[in-house]
Amino acid sequence: MKDGLTTEIEYKDGDTVHKFRFINQVPLNASNQDLLVNFVEYWETTPKKKVLHFSWVTNIQVT
């Protein structure tokens, strides 16, 4: 991720912590600099320290 350009959101739902990080309009990869995508990451941490991590690439703008 480009430093300082991501948006990070964290909230608690009971004992579960939800963290989101996203950035819009970044190159897909070094070989496809002209293809801009939006990227989202999600982490879910429970009291038993179980961590789920997911990530998505989309053409839908993330807010």
PDB file of N, CA and C in Angstrom:
ATOM      1  N   MET A   1       0.828  -1.187   0.000  1.00  0.00           N
ATOM      2  CA  MET A   1       0.000   0.000   0.000  1.00  0.00           C
ATOM      3  C   MET A   1       0.873   1.251   0.000  1.00  0.00           C
ATOM      4  N   LYS A   2       0.375   2.283  -0.609  1.00  0.00           N
ATOM      5  CA  LYS A   2       1.095   3.549  -0.581  1.00  0.00           C
ATOM      6  C   LYS A   2       0.931   4.158   0.805  1.00  0.00           C
ATOM      7  N   ASP A   3       2.044   4.494   1.434  1.00  0.00           N
ATOM      8  CA  ASP A   3       2.000   5.041   2.789  1.00  0.00           C
ATOM      9  C   ASP A   3       1.144   6.297   2.861  1.00  0.00           C
ATOM     10  N   GLY A   4       0.261   6.339   3.845  1.00  0.00           N
ATOM     11  CA  GLY A   4      -0.555   7.509   4.104  1.00  0.00           C
ATOM     12  C   GLY A   4      -1.779   7.658   3.215  1.00  0.00           C
ATOM     13  N   LEU A   5      -1.957   6.783   2.250  1.00  0.00           N
ATOM     14  CA  LEU A   5      -3.087   6.926   1.343  1.00  0.00           C
ATOM     15  C   LEU A   5      -4.207   5.938   1.620  1.00  0.00           C
ATOM     16  N   THR A   6      -4.019   5.060   2.578  1.00  0.00           N
ATOM     17  CA  THR A   6      -5.067   4.095   2.906  1.00  0.00           C
ATOM     18  C   THR A   6      -5.989   4.684   3.958  1.00  0.00           C
ATOM     19  N   THR A   7      -7.209   4.204   3.969  1.00  0.00           N
ATOM     20  CA  THR A   7      -8.166   4.539   5.019  1.00  0.00           C
ATOM     21  C   THR A   7      -8.295   3.322   5.904  1.00  0.00           C
ATOM     22  N   GLU A   8      -8.205   3.537   7.214  1.00  0.00           N
ATOM     23  CA  GLU A   8      -8.312   2.434   8.155  1.00  0.00           C
ATOM     24  C   GLU A   8      -9.450   2.695   9.122  1.00  0.00           C
ATOM     25  N   ILE A   9     -10.258   1.667   9.351  1.00  0.00           N
ATOM     26  CA  ILE A   9     -11.409   1.770  10.255  1.00  0.00           C
ATOM     27  C   ILE A   9     -11.360   0.575  11.192  1.00  0.00           C
ATOM     28  N   GLU A  10     -11.602   0.824  12.472  1.00  0.00           N
ATOM     29  CA  GLU A  10     -11.646  -0.255  13.453  1.00  0.00           C
ATOM     30  C   GLU A  10     -12.830  -0.025  14.373  1.00  0.00           C
ATOM     31  N   TYR A  11     -13.554  -1.104  14.674  1.00  0.00           N
ATOM     32  CA  TYR A  11     -14.631  -0.998  15.652  1.00  0.00           C
ATOM     33  C   TYR A  11     -14.806  -2.321  16.369  1.00  0.00           C
ATOM     34  N   LYS A  12     -15.401  -2.252  17.547  1.00  0.00           N
ATOM     35  CA  LYS A  12     -15.660  -3.446  18.348  1.00  0.00           C
ATOM     36  C   LYS A  12     -17.146  -3.746  18.340  1.00  0.00           C
ATOM     37  N   ASP A  13     -17.463  -5.026  18.262  1.00  0.00           N
ATOM     38  CA  ASP A  13     -18.828  -5.522  18.351  1.00  0.00           C
ATOM     39  C   ASP A  13     -18.808  -6.575  19.447  1.00  0.00           C
ATOM     40  N   GLY A  14     -19.147  -6.167  20.663  1.00  0.00           N
ATOM     41  CA  GLY A  14     -18.989  -7.072  21.794  1.00  0.00           C
ATOM     42  C   GLY A  14     -17.509  -7.292  22.032  1.00  0.00           C
ATOM     43  N   ASP A  15     -17.078  -8.533  22.001  1.00  0.00           N
ATOM     44  CA  ASP A  15     -15.672  -8.862  22.201  1.00  0.00           C
ATOM     45  C   ASP A  15     -14.910  -9.057  20.888  1.00  0.00           C
ATOM     46  N   THR A  16     -15.561  -8.825  19.782  1.00  0.00           N
ATOM     47  CA  THR A  16     -14.931  -9.019  18.482  1.00  0.00           C
ATOM     48  C   THR A  16     -14.462  -7.679  17.922  1.00  0.00           C
ATOM     49  N   VAL A  17     -13.232  -7.659  17.420  1.00  0.00           N
ATOM     50  CA  VAL A  17     -12.672  -6.445  16.818  1.00  0.00           C
ATOM     51  C   VAL A  17     -12.670  -6.617  15.302  1.00  0.00           C
ATOM     52  N   HIS A  18     -13.192  -5.611  14.595  1.00  0.00           N
ATOM     53  CA  HIS A  18     -13.245  -5.599  13.136  1.00  0.00           C
ATOM     54  C   HIS A  18     -12.337  -4.477  12.645  1.00  0.00           C
ATOM     55  N   LYS A  19     -11.436  -4.796  11.732  1.00  0.00           N
ATOM     56  CA  LYS A  19     -10.547  -3.790  11.152  1.00  0.00           C
ATOM     57  C   LYS A  19     -10.658  -3.843   9.639  1.00  0.00           C
ATOM     58  N   PHE A  20     -10.764  -2.683   9.035  1.00  0.00           N
ATOM     59  CA  PHE A  20     -10.829  -2.546   7.589  1.00  0.00           C
ATOM     60  C   PHE A  20      -9.725  -1.609   7.134  1.00  0.00           C
ATOM     61  N   ARG A  21      -9.158  -1.884   5.988  1.00  0.00           N
ATOM     62  CA  ARG A  21      -8.209  -0.964   5.366  1.00  0.00           C
ATOM     63  C   ARG A  21      -8.504  -0.978   3.875  1.00  0.00           C
ATOM     64  N   PHE A  22      -8.560   0.219   3.268  1.00  0.00           N
ATOM     65  CA  PHE A  22      -8.824   0.254   1.829  1.00  0.00           C
ATOM     66  C   PHE A  22      -8.129   1.422   1.163  1.00  0.00           C
ATOM     67  N   ILE A  23      -7.965   1.259  -0.139  1.00  0.00           N
ATOM     68  CA  ILE A  23      -7.386   2.304  -0.978  1.00  0.00           C
ATOM     69  C   ILE A  23      -8.023   2.186  -2.354  1.00  0.00           C
ATOM     70  N   ASN A  24      -8.262   3.313  -2.994  1.00  0.00           N
ATOM     71  CA  ASN A  24      -8.888   3.357  -4.310  1.00  0.00           C
ATOM     72  C   ASN A  24      -7.885   3.802  -5.364  1.00  0.00           C
ATOM     73  N   GLN A  25      -8.098   3.317  -6.581  1.00  0.00           N
ATOM     74  CA  GLN A  25      -7.352   3.748  -7.763  1.00  0.00           C
ATOM     75  C   GLN A  25      -5.838   3.553  -7.640  1.00  0.00           C
ATOM     76  N   VAL A  26      -5.436   2.299  -7.409  1.00  0.00           N
ATOM     77  CA  VAL A  26      -4.025   1.929  -7.386  1.00  0.00           C
ATOM     78  C   VAL A  26      -3.770   0.906  -8.488  1.00  0.00           C
ATOM     79  N   PRO A  27      -2.555   0.853  -9.010  1.00  0.00           N
ATOM     80  CA  PRO A  27      -2.248  -0.134 -10.059  1.00  0.00           C
ATOM     81  C   PRO A  27      -2.428  -1.557  -9.547  1.00  0.00           C
ATOM     82  N   LEU A  28      -2.928  -2.428 -10.408  1.00  0.00           N
ATOM     83  CA  LEU A  28      -3.139  -3.821 -10.047  1.00  0.00           C
ATOM     84  C   LEU A  28      -1.829  -4.475  -9.625  1.00  0.00           C
ATOM     85  N   ASN A  29      -0.778  -4.271 -10.401  1.00  0.00           N
ATOM     86  CA  ASN A  29       0.542  -4.804 -10.073  1.00  0.00           C
ATOM     87  C   ASN A  29       1.580  -4.104 -10.942  1.00  0.00           C
ATOM     88  N   ALA A  30       2.839  -4.469 -10.770  1.00  0.00           N
ATOM     89  CA  ALA A  30       3.917  -3.805 -11.507  1.00  0.00           C
ATOM     90  C   ALA A  30       3.795  -4.016 -13.014  1.00  0.00           C
ATOM     91  N   SER A  31       3.251  -5.141 -13.431  1.00  0.00           N
ATOM     92  CA  SER A  31       3.107  -5.434 -14.861  1.00  0.00           C
ATOM     93  C   SER A  31       1.889  -4.780 -15.492  1.00  0.00           C
ATOM     94  N   ASN A  32       0.964  -4.294 -14.662  1.00  0.00           N
ATOM     95  CA  ASN A  32      -0.283  -3.691 -15.159  1.00  0.00           C
ATOM     96  C   ASN A  32      -0.512  -2.336 -14.500  1.00  0.00           C
ATOM     97  N   GLN A  33       0.433  -1.429 -14.678  1.00  0.00           N
ATOM     98  CA  GLN A  33       0.362  -0.101 -14.058  1.00  0.00           C
ATOM     99  C   GLN A  33      -0.821   0.725 -14.550  1.00  0.00           C
ATOM    100  N   ASP A  34      -1.312   0.442 -15.746  1.00  0.00           N
ATOM    101  CA  ASP A  34      -2.414   1.218 -16.309  1.00  0.00           C
ATOM    102  C   ASP A  34      -3.788   0.712 -15.875  1.00  0.00           C
ATOM    103  N   LEU A  35      -3.838  -0.452 -15.232  1.00  0.00           N
ATOM    104  CA  LEU A  35      -5.105  -1.009 -14.753  1.00  0.00           C
ATOM    105  C   LEU A  35      -5.277  -0.634 -13.283  1.00  0.00           C
ATOM    106  N   LEU A  36      -6.133   0.351 -13.008  1.00  0.00           N
ATOM    107  CA  LEU A  36      -6.343   0.829 -11.645  1.00  0.00           C
ATOM    108  C   LEU A  36      -7.496   0.082 -10.987  1.00  0.00           C
ATOM    109  N   VAL A  37      -7.296  -0.312  -9.742  1.00  0.00           N
ATOM    110  CA  VAL A  37      -8.285  -1.081  -8.984  1.00  0.00           C
ATOM    111  C   VAL A  37      -8.444  -0.473  -7.597  1.00  0.00           C
ATOM    112  N   ASN A  38      -9.445  -0.959  -6.899  1.00  0.00           N
ATOM    113  CA  ASN A  38      -9.687  -0.571  -5.506  1.00  0.00           C
ATOM    114  C   ASN A  38      -9.450  -1.823  -4.665  1.00  0.00           C
ATOM    115  N   PHE A  39      -8.778  -1.658  -3.526  1.00  0.00           N
ATOM    116  CA  PHE A  39      -8.340  -2.786  -2.713  1.00  0.00           C
ATOM    117  C   PHE A  39      -8.867  -2.649  -1.293  1.00  0.00           C
ATOM    118  N   VAL A  40      -9.400  -3.753  -0.741  1.00  0.00           N
ATOM    119  CA  VAL A  40      -9.950  -3.773   0.620  1.00  0.00           C
ATOM    120  C   VAL A  40      -9.341  -4.948   1.374  1.00  0.00           C
ATOM    121  N   GLU A  41      -8.979  -4.712   2.636  1.00  0.00           N
ATOM    122  CA  GLU A  41      -8.565  -5.783   3.544  1.00  0.00           C
ATOM    123  C   GLU A  41      -9.455  -5.741   4.775  1.00  0.00           C
ATOM    124  N   TYR A  42      -9.696  -6.911   5.353  1.00  0.00           N
ATOM    125  CA  TYR A  42     -10.544  -7.022   6.547  1.00  0.00           C
ATOM    126  C   TYR A  42      -9.921  -8.035   7.503  1.00  0.00           C
ATOM    127  N   TRP A  43      -9.880  -7.670   8.775  1.00  0.00           N
ATOM    128  CA  TRP A  43      -9.441  -8.577   9.833  1.00  0.00           C
ATOM    129  C   TRP A  43     -10.530  -8.643  10.894  1.00  0.00           C
ATOM    130  N   GLU A  44     -10.749  -9.836  11.420  1.00  0.00           N
ATOM    131  CA  GLU A  44     -11.687 -10.032  12.519  1.00  0.00           C
ATOM    132  C   GLU A  44     -10.950 -10.810  13.604  1.00  0.00           C
ATOM    133  N   THR A  45     -10.892 -10.232  14.803  1.00  0.00           N
ATOM    134  CA  THR A  45     -10.209 -10.870  15.921  1.00  0.00           C
ATOM    135  C   THR A  45     -11.207 -11.118  17.033  1.00  0.00           C
ATOM    136  N   THR A  46     -11.235 -12.354  17.542  1.00  0.00           N
ATOM    137  CA  THR A  46     -12.147 -12.741  18.613  1.00  0.00           C
ATOM    138  C   THR A  46     -11.372 -12.883  19.927  1.00  0.00           C
ATOM    139  N   PRO A  47     -12.084 -12.976  21.049  1.00  0.00           N
ATOM    140  CA  PRO A  47     -11.415 -13.095  22.346  1.00  0.00           C
ATOM    141  C   PRO A  47     -10.454 -14.293  22.433  1.00  0.00           C
ATOM    142  N   LYS A  48     -10.727 -15.331  21.689  1.00  0.00           N
ATOM    143  CA  LYS A  48      -9.841 -16.504  21.714  1.00  0.00           C
ATOM    144  C   LYS A  48      -8.650 -16.319  20.781  1.00  0.00           C
ATOM    145  N   LYS A  49      -8.428 -15.059  20.348  1.00  0.00           N
ATOM    146  CA  LYS A  49      -7.317 -14.695  19.470  1.00  0.00           C
ATOM    147  C   LYS A  49      -7.425 -15.303  18.076  1.00  0.00           C
ATOM    148  N   LYS A  50      -8.606 -15.768  17.728  1.00  0.00           N
ATOM    149  CA  LYS A  50      -8.805 -16.262  16.366  1.00  0.00           C
ATOM    150  C   LYS A  50      -8.859 -15.066  15.433  1.00  0.00           C
ATOM    151  N   VAL A  51      -8.044 -15.101  14.398  1.00  0.00           N
ATOM    152  CA  VAL A  51      -7.991 -13.985  13.456  1.00  0.00           C
ATOM    153  C   VAL A  51      -8.394 -14.482  12.072  1.00  0.00           C
ATOM    154  N   LEU A  52      -9.358 -13.793  11.483  1.00  0.00           N
ATOM    155  CA  LEU A  52      -9.738 -14.034  10.095  1.00  0.00           C
ATOM    156  C   LEU A  52      -9.212 -12.871   9.272  1.00  0.00           C
ATOM    157  N   HIS A  53      -8.682 -13.143   8.099  1.00  0.00           N
ATOM    158  CA  HIS A  53      -8.165 -12.087   7.235  1.00  0.00           C
ATOM    159  C   HIS A  53      -8.646 -12.350   5.811  1.00  0.00           C
ATOM    160  N   PHE A  54      -9.258 -11.339   5.215  1.00  0.00           N
ATOM    161  CA  PHE A  54      -9.749 -11.424   3.842  1.00  0.00           C
ATOM    162  C   PHE A  54      -9.278 -10.197   3.078  1.00  0.00           C
ATOM    163  N   SER A  55      -9.159 -10.319   1.773  1.00  0.00           N
ATOM    164  CA  SER A  55      -8.845  -9.154   0.945  1.00  0.00           C
ATOM    165  C   SER A  55      -9.602  -9.272  -0.381  1.00  0.00           C
ATOM    166  N   TRP A  56      -9.921  -8.124  -0.946  1.00  0.00           N
ATOM    167  CA  TRP A  56     -10.679  -8.056  -2.193  1.00  0.00           C
ATOM    168  C   TRP A  56     -10.082  -7.005  -3.114  1.00  0.00           C
ATOM    169  N   VAL A  57     -10.177  -7.247  -4.397  1.00  0.00           N
ATOM    170  CA  VAL A  57      -9.856  -6.267  -5.431  1.00  0.00           C
ATOM    171  C   VAL A  57     -11.156  -6.059  -6.210  1.00  0.00           C
ATOM    172  N   THR A  58     -11.506  -4.802  -6.442  1.00  0.00           N
ATOM    173  CA  THR A  58     -12.788  -4.514  -7.082  1.00  0.00           C
ATOM    174  C   THR A  58     -12.676  -3.276  -7.968  1.00  0.00           C
ATOM    175  N   ASN A  59     -13.651  -3.121  -8.850  1.00  0.00           N
ATOM    176  CA  ASN A  59     -13.755  -1.887  -9.632  1.00  0.00           C
ATOM    177  C   ASN A  59     -14.781  -0.935  -9.009  1.00  0.00           C
ATOM    178  N   ILE A  60     -15.384  -1.333  -7.900  1.00  0.00           N
ATOM    179  CA  ILE A  60     -16.345  -0.485  -7.181  1.00  0.00           C
ATOM    180  C   ILE A  60     -15.578   0.412  -6.216  1.00  0.00           C
ATOM    181  N   GLN A  61     -15.836   1.718  -6.258  1.00  0.00           N
ATOM    182  CA  GLN A  61     -15.154   2.622  -5.344  1.00  0.00           C
ATOM    183  C   GLN A  61     -15.572   2.323  -3.905  1.00  0.00           C
ATOM    184  N   VAL A  62     -14.579   2.269  -3.022  1.00  0.00           N
ATOM    185  CA  VAL A  62     -14.829   1.948  -1.612  1.00  0.00           C
ATOM    186  C   VAL A  62     -14.836   3.230  -0.807  1.00  0.00           C
ATOM    187  N   THR A  63     -15.850   3.377   0.052  1.00  0.00           N
ATOM    188  CA  THR A  63     -15.938   4.578   0.907  1.00  0.00           C
ATOM    189  C   THR A  63     -16.110   4.167   2.358  1.00  0.00           C
TER     190      THR A  63
END
